[in-house]
Amino acid sequence: MEILIPTRFYGFDSVTYTVAAVIGFLVSYYAFKMYSATSKRTHKYLYLSFTLLSMGLLVLSVASWYNYFNYEIYHGKYLLDQYVAMDDFAYWIYYLCSILGYLLLASMYFPEKGFPLLFLPVWSSGFPYFNVLSLFILSYAIFRSVANFFSKKNMNSFLVAASFSLIGLYHLLLVFTSFSRFVYVIAHICLGLGFFSLLVMLAKVSRK
């Protein structure tokens, strides 16, 4: 599938991944503080989930910056062997960390007894269906968080629902990047807003 990216956006996606990784580690830090205070399973899964997601985004940001500088220096004429090896390896790490992270997020909403931690086997050459699989896993967490918001109707539950929904929207939009260049841009904005939304919620809770 061809991905259309606006030329002026080159480098901005690298910034997005870097910022999202930093925000994700902050989310993980606040979630770990909550888990240390409460020992709740949901806080533990949230902490582990965003640690994995942030690790994957950090590796992806390094690869993205590498690609950007390679493009700028060589004007699109990449050193193919180095580029492919770097890009492929970084994406596989990102894929693995993201899937495991999303599985942990979905598992937060299962009862402590009777439902083991979700696990799905990961295989496929190049993992071309990563975004569809990510959206599928996230859909349960999105549904439960939205239902929780309509039940509680407070700002914290809204921020959680908005966070999961925006991250899911990021993966959904990436499926349609072959139709418009601006879909890629909007997708990355959704990713940043999704991470930021959860950070705001956890920062508010930790101050209480």
N, C-alpha and C. Protein backbone atom coordinates (compact mmCIF):
# COMPACT_ATOMS: atom_id res chain seq x y z
N MET A 1 0.84 -1.18 0.00
CA MET A 1 0.00 0.00 0.00
C MET A 1 0.88 1.24 0.00
N GLU A 2 0.63 2.15 -0.91
CA GLU A 2 1.39 3.38 -1.00
C GLU A 2 0.91 4.37 0.06
N ILE A 3 1.87 5.00 0.76
CA ILE A 3 1.55 5.99 1.77
C ILE A 3 1.92 7.36 1.23
N LEU A 4 0.93 8.25 1.14
CA LEU A 4 1.15 9.60 0.65
C LEU A 4 1.47 10.53 1.81
N ILE A 5 2.64 11.18 1.73
CA ILE A 5 3.08 12.08 2.79
C ILE A 5 3.42 13.43 2.18
N PRO A 6 2.83 14.52 2.67
CA PRO A 6 3.17 15.85 2.15
C PRO A 6 4.65 16.14 2.34
N THR A 7 5.31 16.69 1.33
CA THR A 7 6.74 16.97 1.41
C THR A 7 7.07 17.88 2.59
N ARG A 8 6.20 18.87 2.85
CA ARG A 8 6.44 19.80 3.95
C ARG A 8 6.30 19.13 5.31
N PHE A 9 5.72 17.93 5.32
CA PHE A 9 5.52 17.20 6.57
C PHE A 9 6.72 16.34 6.93
N TYR A 10 7.68 16.18 6.00
CA TYR A 10 8.88 15.40 6.30
C TYR A 10 9.57 16.02 7.51
N GLY A 11 9.84 15.21 8.50
CA GLY A 11 10.47 15.70 9.71
C GLY A 11 9.46 15.96 10.81
N PHE A 12 8.25 16.41 10.45
CA PHE A 12 7.24 16.69 11.46
C PHE A 12 6.72 15.40 12.09
N ASP A 13 6.64 14.34 11.29
CA ASP A 13 6.22 13.05 11.87
C ASP A 13 7.28 12.54 12.85
N SER A 14 8.56 12.85 12.57
CA SER A 14 9.62 12.48 13.50
C SER A 14 9.45 13.21 14.82
N VAL A 15 9.10 14.50 14.73
CA VAL A 15 8.84 15.28 15.94
C VAL A 15 7.66 14.69 16.70
N THR A 16 6.62 14.31 15.97
CA THR A 16 5.42 13.73 16.59
C THR A 16 5.76 12.47 17.36
N TYR A 17 6.54 11.56 16.76
CA TYR A 17 6.92 10.32 17.43
C TYR A 17 7.75 10.60 18.68
N THR A 18 8.66 11.57 18.57
CA THR A 18 9.53 11.91 19.71
C THR A 18 8.71 12.49 20.86
N VAL A 19 7.83 13.45 20.54
CA VAL A 19 6.98 14.06 21.57
C VAL A 19 6.05 13.02 22.18
N ALA A 20 5.46 12.16 21.34
CA ALA A 20 4.56 11.12 21.84
C ALA A 20 5.30 10.17 22.77
N ALA A 21 6.56 9.84 22.45
CA ALA A 21 7.35 8.95 23.31
C ALA A 21 7.61 9.60 24.66
N VAL A 22 7.96 10.90 24.65
CA VAL A 22 8.20 11.62 25.91
C VAL A 22 6.93 11.67 26.75
N ILE A 23 5.80 12.03 26.11
CA ILE A 23 4.53 12.08 26.82
C ILE A 23 4.15 10.70 27.35
N GLY A 24 4.40 9.68 26.53
CA GLY A 24 4.08 8.32 26.94
C GLY A 24 4.86 7.89 28.18
N PHE A 25 6.14 8.26 28.25
CA PHE A 25 6.94 7.93 29.43
C PHE A 25 6.43 8.69 30.66
N LEU A 26 5.95 9.92 30.46
CA LEU A 26 5.36 10.68 31.57
C LEU A 26 4.07 10.01 32.05
N VAL A 27 3.25 9.55 31.08
CA VAL A 27 2.03 8.81 31.43
C VAL A 27 2.39 7.57 32.24
N SER A 28 3.42 6.86 31.78
CA SER A 28 3.86 5.65 32.47
C SER A 28 4.34 5.98 33.89
N TYR A 29 5.03 7.10 34.04
CA TYR A 29 5.52 7.52 35.35
C TYR A 29 4.38 7.78 36.32
N TYR A 30 3.37 8.54 35.85
CA TYR A 30 2.22 8.83 36.71
C TYR A 30 1.42 7.55 37.02
N ALA A 31 1.31 6.68 36.03
CA ALA A 31 0.59 5.42 36.25
C ALA A 31 1.33 4.54 37.26
N PHE A 32 2.66 4.57 37.19
CA PHE A 32 3.46 3.80 38.15
C PHE A 32 3.29 4.35 39.57
N LYS A 33 3.22 5.67 39.70
CA LYS A 33 2.98 6.28 41.01
C LYS A 33 1.63 5.83 41.57
N MET A 34 0.62 5.80 40.69
CA MET A 34 -0.71 5.36 41.13
C MET A 34 -0.69 3.89 41.51
N TYR A 35 0.03 3.07 40.75
CA TYR A 35 0.11 1.64 41.05
C TYR A 35 0.84 1.41 42.38
N SER A 36 1.90 2.20 42.64
CA SER A 36 2.64 2.08 43.89
C SER A 36 1.76 2.42 45.09
N ALA A 37 0.83 3.34 44.87
CA ALA A 37 -0.05 3.77 45.97
C ALA A 37 -1.25 2.85 46.16
N THR A 38 -1.74 2.27 45.07
CA THR A 38 -3.00 1.51 45.14
C THR A 38 -2.83 0.01 44.93
N SER A 39 -1.76 -0.39 44.22
CA SER A 39 -1.53 -1.81 43.86
C SER A 39 -2.65 -2.39 43.01
N LYS A 40 -3.39 -1.52 42.31
CA LYS A 40 -4.47 -2.00 41.46
C LYS A 40 -3.93 -2.58 40.16
N ARG A 41 -4.57 -3.64 39.71
CA ARG A 41 -4.15 -4.29 38.47
C ARG A 41 -4.28 -3.36 37.27
N THR A 42 -5.34 -2.54 37.23
CA THR A 42 -5.55 -1.64 36.10
C THR A 42 -4.41 -0.62 35.99
N HIS A 43 -3.95 -0.11 37.13
CA HIS A 43 -2.84 0.85 37.11
C HIS A 43 -1.54 0.17 36.68
N LYS A 44 -1.39 -1.09 37.09
CA LYS A 44 -0.20 -1.84 36.68
C LYS A 44 -0.18 -2.04 35.17
N TYR A 45 -1.32 -2.43 34.60
CA TYR A 45 -1.40 -2.65 33.15
C TYR A 45 -1.22 -1.34 32.39
N LEU A 46 -1.77 -0.25 32.94
CA LEU A 46 -1.62 1.05 32.29
C LEU A 46 -0.15 1.47 32.27
N TYR A 47 0.52 1.27 33.39
CA TYR A 47 1.95 1.60 33.49
C TYR A 47 2.78 0.77 32.50
N LEU A 48 2.55 -0.54 32.50
CA LEU A 48 3.30 -1.42 31.60
C LEU A 48 2.97 -1.13 30.14
N SER A 49 1.70 -0.86 29.86
CA SER A 49 1.26 -0.60 28.49
C SER A 49 1.96 0.62 27.90
N PHE A 50 1.94 1.73 28.62
CA PHE A 50 2.52 2.95 28.08
C PHE A 50 4.05 2.93 28.13
N THR A 51 4.62 2.11 28.98
CA THR A 51 6.07 1.92 28.92
C THR A 51 6.45 1.25 27.61
N LEU A 52 5.71 0.19 27.26
CA LEU A 52 5.97 -0.51 26.00
C LEU A 52 5.70 0.38 24.79
N LEU A 53 4.56 1.09 24.81
CA LEU A 53 4.22 1.98 23.70
C LEU A 53 5.28 3.06 23.51
N SER A 54 5.76 3.61 24.60
CA SER A 54 6.76 4.68 24.53
C SER A 54 8.11 4.15 24.05
N MET A 55 8.46 2.95 24.47
CA MET A 55 9.71 2.34 23.99
C MET A 55 9.65 2.13 22.49
N GLY A 56 8.49 1.64 22.01
CA GLY A 56 8.32 1.44 20.57
C GLY A 56 8.37 2.75 19.81
N LEU A 57 7.72 3.79 20.33
CA LEU A 57 7.72 5.09 19.67
C LEU A 57 9.11 5.73 19.69
N LEU A 58 9.86 5.49 20.76
CA LEU A 58 11.22 6.01 20.82
C LEU A 58 12.09 5.42 19.72
N VAL A 59 11.99 4.11 19.54
CA VAL A 59 12.75 3.45 18.47
C VAL A 59 12.27 3.94 17.11
N LEU A 60 10.95 4.09 16.97
CA LEU A 60 10.39 4.57 15.70
C LEU A 60 10.85 6.00 15.42
N SER A 61 10.94 6.83 16.44
CA SER A 61 11.38 8.21 16.24
C SER A 61 12.84 8.26 15.79
N VAL A 62 13.67 7.37 16.35
CA VAL A 62 15.08 7.32 15.94
C VAL A 62 15.18 6.94 14.47
N ALA A 63 14.42 5.91 14.06
CA ALA A 63 14.42 5.49 12.66
C ALA A 63 13.87 6.59 11.75
N SER A 64 12.83 7.28 12.22
CA SER A 64 12.22 8.35 11.43
C SER A 64 13.18 9.52 11.24
N TRP A 65 13.89 9.90 12.31
CA TRP A 65 14.90 10.96 12.19
C TRP A 65 16.02 10.53 11.26
N TYR A 66 16.42 9.26 11.34
CA TYR A 66 17.46 8.73 10.46
C TYR A 66 17.03 8.85 9.00
N ASN A 67 15.79 8.46 8.74
CA ASN A 67 15.26 8.55 7.37
C ASN A 67 15.20 10.00 6.90
N TYR A 68 14.80 10.90 7.80
CA TYR A 68 14.68 12.32 7.44
C TYR A 68 16.03 12.91 7.07
N PHE A 69 17.04 12.69 7.91
CA PHE A 69 18.36 13.24 7.61
C PHE A 69 18.99 12.58 6.39
N ASN A 70 18.69 11.28 6.23
CA ASN A 70 19.17 10.58 5.04
C ASN A 70 18.56 11.20 3.78
N TYR A 71 17.28 11.53 3.85
CA TYR A 71 16.59 12.16 2.73
C TYR A 71 17.15 13.55 2.45
N GLU A 72 17.39 14.32 3.53
CA GLU A 72 17.88 15.69 3.37
C GLU A 72 19.30 15.71 2.80
N ILE A 73 20.13 14.82 3.30
CA ILE A 73 21.54 14.82 2.88
C ILE A 73 21.71 14.26 1.48
N TYR A 74 21.01 13.16 1.19
CA TYR A 74 21.17 12.49 -0.10
C TYR A 74 20.06 12.83 -1.08
N HIS A 75 19.16 13.75 -0.69
CA HIS A 75 18.09 14.22 -1.57
C HIS A 75 17.25 13.08 -2.13
N GLY A 76 16.89 12.16 -1.22
CA GLY A 76 16.01 11.07 -1.61
C GLY A 76 16.73 9.85 -2.15
N LYS A 77 18.07 9.94 -2.34
CA LYS A 77 18.83 8.79 -2.83
C LYS A 77 19.44 8.09 -1.63
N TYR A 78 18.70 7.14 -1.09
CA TYR A 78 19.11 6.49 0.13
C TYR A 78 20.23 5.48 -0.12
N LEU A 79 21.01 5.25 0.93
CA LEU A 79 21.91 4.11 0.92
C LEU A 79 21.04 2.89 1.23
N LEU A 80 20.64 2.18 0.20
CA LEU A 80 19.53 1.23 0.29
C LEU A 80 19.72 0.17 1.36
N ASP A 81 20.89 -0.45 1.39
CA ASP A 81 21.09 -1.54 2.34
C ASP A 81 20.97 -1.07 3.78
N GLN A 82 21.62 0.06 4.09
CA GLN A 82 21.56 0.59 5.44
C GLN A 82 20.15 1.04 5.78
N TYR A 83 19.50 1.70 4.83
CA TYR A 83 18.16 2.25 5.07
C TYR A 83 17.16 1.15 5.35
N VAL A 84 17.15 0.12 4.51
CA VAL A 84 16.19 -0.97 4.66
C VAL A 84 16.40 -1.69 5.98
N ALA A 85 17.67 -1.98 6.32
CA ALA A 85 17.96 -2.70 7.56
C ALA A 85 17.52 -1.89 8.77
N MET A 86 17.84 -0.60 8.79
CA MET A 86 17.47 0.27 9.90
C MET A 86 15.96 0.40 10.02
N ASP A 87 15.32 0.68 8.91
CA ASP A 87 13.88 0.91 8.88
C ASP A 87 13.11 -0.34 9.31
N ASP A 88 13.43 -1.47 8.71
CA ASP A 88 12.72 -2.72 9.00
C ASP A 88 12.86 -3.12 10.46
N PHE A 89 14.08 -3.06 10.98
CA PHE A 89 14.32 -3.49 12.35
C PHE A 89 13.58 -2.61 13.34
N ALA A 90 13.61 -1.29 13.12
CA ALA A 90 12.92 -0.35 14.01
C ALA A 90 11.42 -0.56 13.98
N TYR A 91 10.86 -0.79 12.79
CA TYR A 91 9.42 -0.99 12.68
C TYR A 91 8.97 -2.28 13.35
N TRP A 92 9.78 -3.32 13.25
CA TRP A 92 9.41 -4.57 13.91
C TRP A 92 9.38 -4.40 15.42
N ILE A 93 10.33 -3.65 15.97
CA ILE A 93 10.32 -3.36 17.41
C ILE A 93 9.08 -2.56 17.78
N TYR A 94 8.77 -1.55 16.96
CA TYR A 94 7.58 -0.71 17.19
C TYR A 94 6.31 -1.55 17.12
N TYR A 95 6.21 -2.42 16.10
CA TYR A 95 5.03 -3.27 15.97
C TYR A 95 4.84 -4.13 17.22
N LEU A 96 5.90 -4.79 17.64
CA LEU A 96 5.82 -5.72 18.77
C LEU A 96 5.45 -4.98 20.05
N CYS A 97 6.13 -3.86 20.32
CA CYS A 97 5.83 -3.09 21.53
C CYS A 97 4.40 -2.56 21.52
N SER A 98 3.94 -2.10 20.36
CA SER A 98 2.60 -1.54 20.27
C SER A 98 1.53 -2.60 20.49
N ILE A 99 1.68 -3.74 19.84
CA ILE A 99 0.68 -4.80 20.00
C ILE A 99 0.61 -5.28 21.45
N LEU A 100 1.77 -5.48 22.06
CA LEU A 100 1.78 -5.90 23.47
C LEU A 100 1.17 -4.82 24.36
N GLY A 101 1.49 -3.56 24.06
CA GLY A 101 0.93 -2.46 24.83
C GLY A 101 -0.58 -2.37 24.72
N TYR A 102 -1.10 -2.53 23.50
CA TYR A 102 -2.54 -2.47 23.29
C TYR A 102 -3.25 -3.67 23.92
N LEU A 103 -2.61 -4.81 23.91
CA LEU A 103 -3.19 -5.97 24.58
C LEU A 103 -3.32 -5.73 26.08
N LEU A 104 -2.32 -5.07 26.66
CA LEU A 104 -2.39 -4.73 28.08
C LEU A 104 -3.51 -3.72 28.35
N LEU A 105 -3.67 -2.74 27.45
CA LEU A 105 -4.74 -1.76 27.61
C LEU A 105 -6.11 -2.43 27.58
N ALA A 106 -6.30 -3.33 26.61
CA ALA A 106 -7.58 -4.03 26.51
C ALA A 106 -7.82 -4.91 27.74
N SER A 107 -6.73 -5.52 28.25
CA SER A 107 -6.86 -6.42 29.39
C SER A 107 -7.23 -5.70 30.67
N MET A 108 -7.01 -4.38 30.71
CA MET A 108 -7.39 -3.59 31.88
C MET A 108 -8.87 -3.71 32.19
N TYR A 109 -9.68 -3.91 31.15
CA TYR A 109 -11.14 -3.87 31.31
C TYR A 109 -11.76 -5.25 31.53
N PHE A 110 -10.92 -6.29 31.63
CA PHE A 110 -11.46 -7.61 31.94
C PHE A 110 -11.45 -7.82 33.45
N PRO A 111 -12.38 -8.63 33.95
CA PRO A 111 -12.37 -8.94 35.39
C PRO A 111 -11.07 -9.62 35.79
N GLU A 112 -10.70 -9.47 37.06
CA GLU A 112 -9.43 -10.04 37.52
C GLU A 112 -9.46 -11.56 37.49
N LYS A 113 -10.65 -12.15 37.67
CA LYS A 113 -10.75 -13.61 37.65
C LYS A 113 -11.57 -14.06 36.46
N GLY A 114 -11.11 -15.11 35.83
CA GLY A 114 -11.88 -15.72 34.76
C GLY A 114 -11.45 -15.31 33.36
N PHE A 115 -10.65 -14.22 33.24
CA PHE A 115 -10.18 -13.80 31.94
C PHE A 115 -8.68 -13.61 32.00
N PRO A 116 -7.92 -14.50 31.36
CA PRO A 116 -6.47 -14.34 31.36
C PRO A 116 -6.06 -13.15 30.51
N LEU A 117 -4.83 -12.73 30.66
CA LEU A 117 -4.29 -11.64 29.86
C LEU A 117 -4.42 -11.98 28.38
N LEU A 118 -4.96 -11.05 27.62
CA LEU A 118 -5.14 -11.28 26.19
C LEU A 118 -3.81 -11.57 25.51
N PHE A 119 -3.82 -12.51 24.62
CA PHE A 119 -2.62 -12.79 23.83
C PHE A 119 -3.04 -13.19 22.42
N LEU A 120 -2.41 -12.59 21.46
CA LEU A 120 -2.64 -12.95 20.06
C LEU A 120 -1.29 -13.26 19.42
N PRO A 121 -1.19 -14.35 18.68
CA PRO A 121 0.07 -14.65 18.00
C PRO A 121 0.36 -13.60 16.94
N VAL A 122 1.60 -13.20 16.84
CA VAL A 122 2.01 -12.18 15.88
C VAL A 122 2.89 -12.83 14.82
N TRP A 123 2.42 -12.83 13.62
CA TRP A 123 3.23 -13.33 12.52
C TRP A 123 2.80 -12.63 11.24
N SER A 124 3.63 -12.65 10.25
CA SER A 124 3.37 -12.06 8.94
C SER A 124 4.62 -11.40 8.45
N SER A 125 4.95 -11.65 7.22
CA SER A 125 6.13 -11.04 6.63
C SER A 125 5.91 -9.55 6.46
N GLY A 126 6.63 -8.77 7.26
CA GLY A 126 6.50 -7.33 7.18
C GLY A 126 5.32 -6.78 7.96
N PHE A 127 4.44 -7.65 8.47
CA PHE A 127 3.31 -7.25 9.29
C PHE A 127 2.50 -6.13 8.65
N PRO A 128 1.97 -6.34 7.43
CA PRO A 128 1.28 -5.26 6.71
C PRO A 128 -0.06 -4.86 7.31
N TYR A 129 -0.62 -5.70 8.16
CA TYR A 129 -1.94 -5.40 8.71
C TYR A 129 -1.87 -4.90 10.15
N PHE A 130 -0.78 -4.30 10.49
CA PHE A 130 -0.55 -3.83 11.86
C PHE A 130 -1.62 -2.87 12.33
N ASN A 131 -1.98 -1.88 11.51
CA ASN A 131 -2.95 -0.87 11.93
C ASN A 131 -4.35 -1.45 12.14
N VAL A 132 -4.73 -2.39 11.28
CA VAL A 132 -6.04 -3.04 11.43
C VAL A 132 -6.06 -3.87 12.71
N LEU A 133 -5.00 -4.61 12.98
CA LEU A 133 -4.93 -5.42 14.19
C LEU A 133 -4.91 -4.53 15.43
N SER A 134 -4.17 -3.43 15.37
CA SER A 134 -4.11 -2.50 16.50
C SER A 134 -5.49 -1.91 16.79
N LEU A 135 -6.20 -1.52 15.73
CA LEU A 135 -7.54 -0.97 15.89
C LEU A 135 -8.50 -2.01 16.48
N PHE A 136 -8.35 -3.26 16.02
CA PHE A 136 -9.20 -4.34 16.53
C PHE A 136 -8.99 -4.53 18.03
N ILE A 137 -7.74 -4.55 18.47
CA ILE A 137 -7.45 -4.74 19.90
C ILE A 137 -7.93 -3.53 20.70
N LEU A 138 -7.67 -2.33 20.18
CA LEU A 138 -8.04 -1.12 20.89
C LEU A 138 -9.55 -0.91 20.96
N SER A 139 -10.29 -1.50 20.01
CA SER A 139 -11.73 -1.24 19.95
C SER A 139 -12.44 -1.62 21.24
N TYR A 140 -11.96 -2.67 21.91
CA TYR A 140 -12.59 -3.06 23.18
C TYR A 140 -12.32 -2.02 24.26
N ALA A 141 -11.06 -1.56 24.34
CA ALA A 141 -10.72 -0.53 25.33
C ALA A 141 -11.47 0.77 25.04
N ILE A 142 -11.62 1.10 23.76
CA ILE A 142 -12.37 2.30 23.37
C ILE A 142 -13.83 2.17 23.80
N PHE A 143 -14.44 1.03 23.49
CA PHE A 143 -15.84 0.80 23.85
C PHE A 143 -16.06 0.91 25.35
N ARG A 144 -15.20 0.25 26.13
CA ARG A 144 -15.37 0.28 27.58
C ARG A 144 -15.12 1.66 28.16
N SER A 145 -14.13 2.38 27.64
CA SER A 145 -13.83 3.72 28.17
C SER A 145 -14.94 4.71 27.82
N VAL A 146 -15.52 4.58 26.62
CA VAL A 146 -16.63 5.45 26.23
C VAL A 146 -17.86 5.13 27.07
N ALA A 147 -18.12 3.84 27.28
CA ALA A 147 -19.25 3.44 28.13
C ALA A 147 -19.06 3.94 29.55
N ASN A 148 -17.83 3.91 30.03
CA ASN A 148 -17.52 4.40 31.37
C ASN A 148 -17.76 5.90 31.47
N PHE A 149 -17.43 6.63 30.39
CA PHE A 149 -17.68 8.07 30.39
C PHE A 149 -19.17 8.38 30.47
N PHE A 150 -19.98 7.68 29.68
CA PHE A 150 -21.43 7.93 29.70
C PHE A 150 -22.04 7.52 31.04
N SER A 151 -21.37 6.60 31.74
CA SER A 151 -21.85 6.19 33.05
C SER A 151 -21.48 7.21 34.14
N LYS A 152 -20.23 7.67 34.13
CA LYS A 152 -19.75 8.57 35.18
C LYS A 152 -19.93 10.05 34.81
N LYS A 153 -19.76 10.35 33.53
CA LYS A 153 -19.91 11.72 33.02
C LYS A 153 -19.07 12.75 33.79
N ASN A 154 -17.78 12.44 33.95
CA ASN A 154 -16.86 13.39 34.54
C ASN A 154 -15.67 13.61 33.61
N MET A 155 -14.85 14.61 33.93
CA MET A 155 -13.76 14.99 33.04
C MET A 155 -12.70 13.90 32.91
N ASN A 156 -12.39 13.21 33.98
CA ASN A 156 -11.36 12.17 33.92
C ASN A 156 -11.76 11.02 32.99
N SER A 157 -12.99 10.57 33.11
CA SER A 157 -13.45 9.49 32.23
C SER A 157 -13.52 9.97 30.78
N PHE A 158 -13.83 11.25 30.58
CA PHE A 158 -13.84 11.81 29.23
C PHE A 158 -12.44 11.81 28.63
N LEU A 159 -11.44 12.20 29.43
CA LEU A 159 -10.06 12.26 28.94
C LEU A 159 -9.54 10.87 28.58
N VAL A 160 -9.91 9.88 29.37
CA VAL A 160 -9.50 8.50 29.07
C VAL A 160 -10.14 8.03 27.77
N ALA A 161 -11.45 8.25 27.64
CA ALA A 161 -12.17 7.85 26.42
C ALA A 161 -11.62 8.58 25.20
N ALA A 162 -11.34 9.87 25.37
CA ALA A 162 -10.78 10.66 24.26
C ALA A 162 -9.40 10.14 23.88
N SER A 163 -8.59 9.79 24.88
CA SER A 163 -7.25 9.28 24.61
C SER A 163 -7.27 8.00 23.79
N PHE A 164 -8.02 7.01 24.25
CA PHE A 164 -8.08 5.73 23.55
C PHE A 164 -8.71 5.89 22.16
N SER A 165 -9.73 6.74 22.07
CA SER A 165 -10.41 6.96 20.79
C SER A 165 -9.47 7.63 19.78
N LEU A 166 -8.70 8.60 20.22
CA LEU A 166 -7.77 9.30 19.33
C LEU A 166 -6.64 8.39 18.86
N ILE A 167 -6.15 7.54 19.76
CA ILE A 167 -5.10 6.58 19.36
C ILE A 167 -5.67 5.58 18.36
N GLY A 168 -6.92 5.14 18.60
CA GLY A 168 -7.57 4.26 17.64
C GLY A 168 -7.80 4.94 16.31
N LEU A 169 -8.18 6.23 16.35
CA LEU A 169 -8.38 7.00 15.12
C LEU A 169 -7.08 7.15 14.35
N TYR A 170 -5.98 7.27 15.05
CA TYR A 170 -4.66 7.33 14.42
C TYR A 170 -4.42 6.09 13.55
N HIS A 171 -4.68 4.92 14.11
CA HIS A 171 -4.47 3.68 13.35
C HIS A 171 -5.49 3.55 12.21
N LEU A 172 -6.73 3.98 12.46
CA LEU A 172 -7.75 3.92 11.41
C LEU A 172 -7.36 4.81 10.23
N LEU A 173 -6.93 6.02 10.51
CA LEU A 173 -6.57 6.96 9.43
C LEU A 173 -5.36 6.48 8.64
N LEU A 174 -4.42 5.82 9.32
CA LEU A 174 -3.24 5.33 8.60
C LEU A 174 -3.59 4.30 7.53
N VAL A 175 -4.73 3.63 7.71
CA VAL A 175 -5.19 2.67 6.69
C VAL A 175 -5.54 3.39 5.40
N PHE A 176 -5.95 4.67 5.50
CA PHE A 176 -6.43 5.42 4.34
C PHE A 176 -5.43 6.47 3.84
N THR A 177 -4.15 6.32 4.21
CA THR A 177 -3.15 7.30 3.79
C THR A 177 -2.84 7.25 2.30
N SER A 178 -3.25 6.20 1.63
CA SER A 178 -2.99 6.11 0.19
C SER A 178 -3.95 6.96 -0.63
N PHE A 179 -4.99 7.52 0.02
CA PHE A 179 -5.99 8.31 -0.70
C PHE A 179 -5.74 9.81 -0.63
N SER A 180 -5.06 10.26 0.42
CA SER A 180 -4.82 11.69 0.57
C SER A 180 -3.57 11.91 1.41
N ARG A 181 -2.78 12.92 1.04
CA ARG A 181 -1.58 13.24 1.79
C ARG A 181 -1.91 13.77 3.18
N PHE A 182 -3.02 14.47 3.31
CA PHE A 182 -3.35 15.12 4.57
C PHE A 182 -3.89 14.16 5.61
N VAL A 183 -4.33 12.98 5.17
CA VAL A 183 -4.78 11.97 6.13
C VAL A 183 -3.62 11.57 7.04
N TYR A 184 -2.43 11.48 6.48
CA TYR A 184 -1.23 11.13 7.24
C TYR A 184 -0.95 12.18 8.32
N VAL A 185 -1.13 13.44 7.96
CA VAL A 185 -0.91 14.54 8.90
C VAL A 185 -1.92 14.49 10.03
N ILE A 186 -3.19 14.36 9.68
CA ILE A 186 -4.26 14.32 10.69
C ILE A 186 -4.07 13.13 11.63
N ALA A 187 -3.64 12.00 11.07
CA ALA A 187 -3.42 10.80 11.89
C ALA A 187 -2.39 11.07 12.98
N HIS A 188 -1.31 11.72 12.62
CA HIS A 188 -0.24 11.97 13.60
C HIS A 188 -0.67 13.01 14.64
N ILE A 189 -1.48 13.95 14.25
CA ILE A 189 -2.03 14.91 15.21
C ILE A 189 -2.91 14.18 16.23
N CYS A 190 -3.71 13.23 15.76
CA CYS A 190 -4.55 12.42 16.65
C CYS A 190 -3.70 11.63 17.64
N LEU A 191 -2.59 11.08 17.18
CA LEU A 191 -1.71 10.32 18.06
C LEU A 191 -1.19 11.20 19.19
N GLY A 192 -0.68 12.39 18.83
CA GLY A 192 -0.16 13.29 19.85
C GLY A 192 -1.21 13.72 20.85
N LEU A 193 -2.41 14.05 20.35
CA LEU A 193 -3.50 14.47 21.22
C LEU A 193 -3.97 13.33 22.12
N GLY A 194 -3.95 12.12 21.60
CA GLY A 194 -4.36 10.96 22.40
C GLY A 194 -3.45 10.74 23.60
N PHE A 195 -2.15 10.81 23.39
CA PHE A 195 -1.19 10.64 24.48
C PHE A 195 -1.31 11.81 25.47
N PHE A 196 -1.46 13.01 24.93
CA PHE A 196 -1.53 14.19 25.78
C PHE A 196 -2.78 14.17 26.66
N SER A 197 -3.89 13.70 26.11
CA SER A 197 -5.14 13.63 26.85
C SER A 197 -5.01 12.75 28.09
N LEU A 198 -4.37 11.60 27.93
CA LEU A 198 -4.20 10.70 29.07
C LEU A 198 -3.22 11.27 30.09
N LEU A 199 -2.19 11.97 29.60
CA LEU A 199 -1.24 12.61 30.50
C LEU A 199 -1.93 13.65 31.38
N VAL A 200 -2.81 14.45 30.79
CA VAL A 200 -3.55 15.46 31.55
C VAL A 200 -4.39 14.79 32.64
N MET A 201 -5.06 13.69 32.29
CA MET A 201 -5.90 13.01 33.27
C MET A 201 -5.07 12.48 34.45
N LEU A 202 -3.95 11.83 34.14
CA LEU A 202 -3.13 11.25 35.20
C LEU A 202 -2.48 12.33 36.06
N ALA A 203 -2.09 13.44 35.44
CA ALA A 203 -1.51 14.55 36.19
C ALA A 203 -2.54 15.12 37.16
N LYS A 204 -3.80 15.22 36.71
CA LYS A 204 -4.88 15.73 37.57
C LYS A 204 -5.11 14.79 38.75
N VAL A 205 -5.15 13.49 38.49
CA VAL A 205 -5.43 12.51 39.54
C VAL A 205 -4.29 12.47 40.55
N SER A 206 -3.04 12.58 40.08
CA SER A 206 -1.89 12.47 40.99
C SER A 206 -1.79 13.66 41.94
N ARG A 207 -2.41 14.77 41.59
CA ARG A 207 -2.36 15.96 42.47
C ARG A 207 -3.35 15.89 43.62
N LYS A 208 -4.31 14.97 43.51
CA LYS A 208 -5.33 14.88 44.56
C LYS A 208 -4.78 14.18 45.81
